[in-house]
Protein backbone atom coordinates (compact mmCIF):
# COMPACT_ATOMS: atom_id res chain seq x y z
CA MET A 1 1.96 1.83 33.49
CA LYS A 2 3.82 -0.67 31.32
CA GLN A 3 5.85 0.74 28.45
CA LEU A 4 7.65 -0.59 25.40
CA THR A 5 9.81 1.27 22.89
CA ALA A 6 8.94 1.33 19.20
CA LYS A 7 11.93 -0.99 18.60
CA GLU A 8 10.62 -3.51 21.18
CA VAL A 9 7.17 -3.54 19.57
CA GLU A 10 8.73 -3.97 16.12
CA LYS A 11 10.81 -6.91 17.41
CA LEU A 12 7.69 -8.62 18.86
CA LEU A 13 5.95 -8.29 15.49
CA GLN A 14 9.00 -9.67 13.68
CA GLU A 15 8.91 -12.67 16.03
CA GLY A 16 5.34 -13.32 14.88
CA LYS A 17 3.67 -12.29 18.15
CA GLN A 18 -0.06 -11.52 17.85
CA LEU A 19 -0.35 -7.95 19.20
CA ASN A 20 -3.44 -5.82 19.78
CA ILE A 21 -2.35 -2.34 18.74
CA ILE A 22 -4.56 0.73 19.06
CA ASP A 23 -3.48 3.90 17.27
CA VAL A 24 -5.03 6.88 19.09
CA ARG A 25 -4.04 9.49 16.49
CA GLU A 26 -6.59 11.36 14.42
CA ALA A 27 -7.77 9.80 11.13
CA ASP A 28 -5.75 12.23 8.97
CA GLU A 29 -2.54 11.30 10.85
CA VAL A 30 -3.26 7.58 10.47
CA ALA A 31 -3.87 8.06 6.74
CA ALA A 32 -0.16 8.91 6.41
CA GLY A 33 0.69 5.43 7.69
CA LYS A 34 0.08 3.14 10.65
CA ILE A 35 1.53 -0.04 12.05
CA PRO A 36 0.06 -2.96 10.05
CA GLY A 37 -2.97 -4.40 11.84
CA ALA A 38 -3.38 -1.47 14.22
CA ILE A 39 -6.92 -0.34 14.99
CA ASN A 40 -7.55 3.43 14.87
CA ILE A 41 -9.55 4.83 17.78
CA PRO A 42 -8.76 8.57 18.13
CA LEU A 43 -8.05 9.60 21.73
CA GLY A 44 -11.15 11.82 21.83
CA LEU A 45 -13.39 8.84 21.00
CA LEU A 46 -11.66 6.25 23.19
CA GLU A 47 -13.90 6.81 26.21
CA PHE A 48 -16.98 6.18 24.05
CA ARG A 49 -15.54 3.15 22.22
CA MET A 50 -13.77 1.32 25.06
CA ASN A 51 -16.74 -1.07 25.22
CA GLU A 52 -15.41 -2.49 21.90
CA LEU A 53 -12.28 -3.69 23.72
CA ASP A 54 -11.80 -6.97 25.59
CA LYS A 55 -10.58 -6.68 29.20
CA ASN A 56 -8.95 -10.11 28.84
CA LYS A 57 -6.59 -8.86 26.13
CA GLU A 58 -3.53 -6.64 26.40
CA TYR A 59 -3.40 -3.56 24.17
CA ILE A 60 -0.41 -1.57 22.94
CA LEU A 61 -1.29 2.11 22.52
CA VAL A 62 0.41 4.24 19.87
CA CYS A 63 0.33 7.91 18.88
CA ARG A 64 2.73 10.33 17.19
CA SER A 65 5.23 10.75 20.04
CA GLY A 66 3.92 8.82 23.06
CA GLY A 67 2.02 11.57 24.90
CA ARG A 68 -1.55 10.90 23.76
CA SER A 69 -1.03 7.14 23.98
CA GLY A 70 0.16 7.65 27.57
CA ARG A 71 -3.08 9.47 28.41
CA ALA A 72 -5.07 6.76 26.61
CA ALA A 73 -3.24 4.10 28.62
CA GLN A 74 -4.08 5.85 31.90
CA LEU A 75 -7.75 6.12 30.89
CA LEU A 76 -8.05 2.46 29.91
CA GLU A 77 -6.03 1.27 32.91
CA SER A 78 -8.38 3.16 35.23
CA HIS A 79 -11.25 1.15 33.71
CA GLY A 80 -9.53 -2.20 34.26
CA TYR A 81 -7.91 -2.76 30.85
CA HIS A 82 -4.42 -4.24 30.39
CA VAL A 83 -2.39 -1.72 28.41
CA ILE A 84 1.15 -0.87 27.32
CA ASN A 85 2.22 2.57 26.08
CA MET A 86 4.58 2.58 23.08
CA THR A 87 7.06 5.31 23.99
CA GLY A 88 8.41 7.48 21.18
CA GLY A 89 5.33 6.78 19.09
CA MET A 90 5.33 6.76 15.30
CA LEU A 91 8.19 9.28 15.27
CA GLU A 92 10.47 6.44 16.39
CA TRP A 93 8.75 3.66 14.43
CA GLU A 94 11.09 2.20 11.78
CA GLY A 95 9.05 -0.88 10.93
CA PRO A 96 6.57 -1.36 8.08
CA VAL A 97 3.51 0.88 7.75
CA GLU A 98 0.24 0.50 5.89
């Protein structure tokens, strides 16, 4: 599984890269702040909503610390999606939030 640190993801955004970020935390966690532009699909719903995703795109998965996003990455990868896990999660995110 591919991985990027929170710093690496922040740098890509600063460079103006168009990233597809999925935040797999619960809605109440996301309400406290998420990476701008990230889509919230809680881990428990991911299996039921993966049909909303495009297998031709690459997705960066984010959670609080990197554990749930790692499980989400494994799930999506097993279904043929291109994914990257953001290690350290929002605990290590120092960039802007919305």
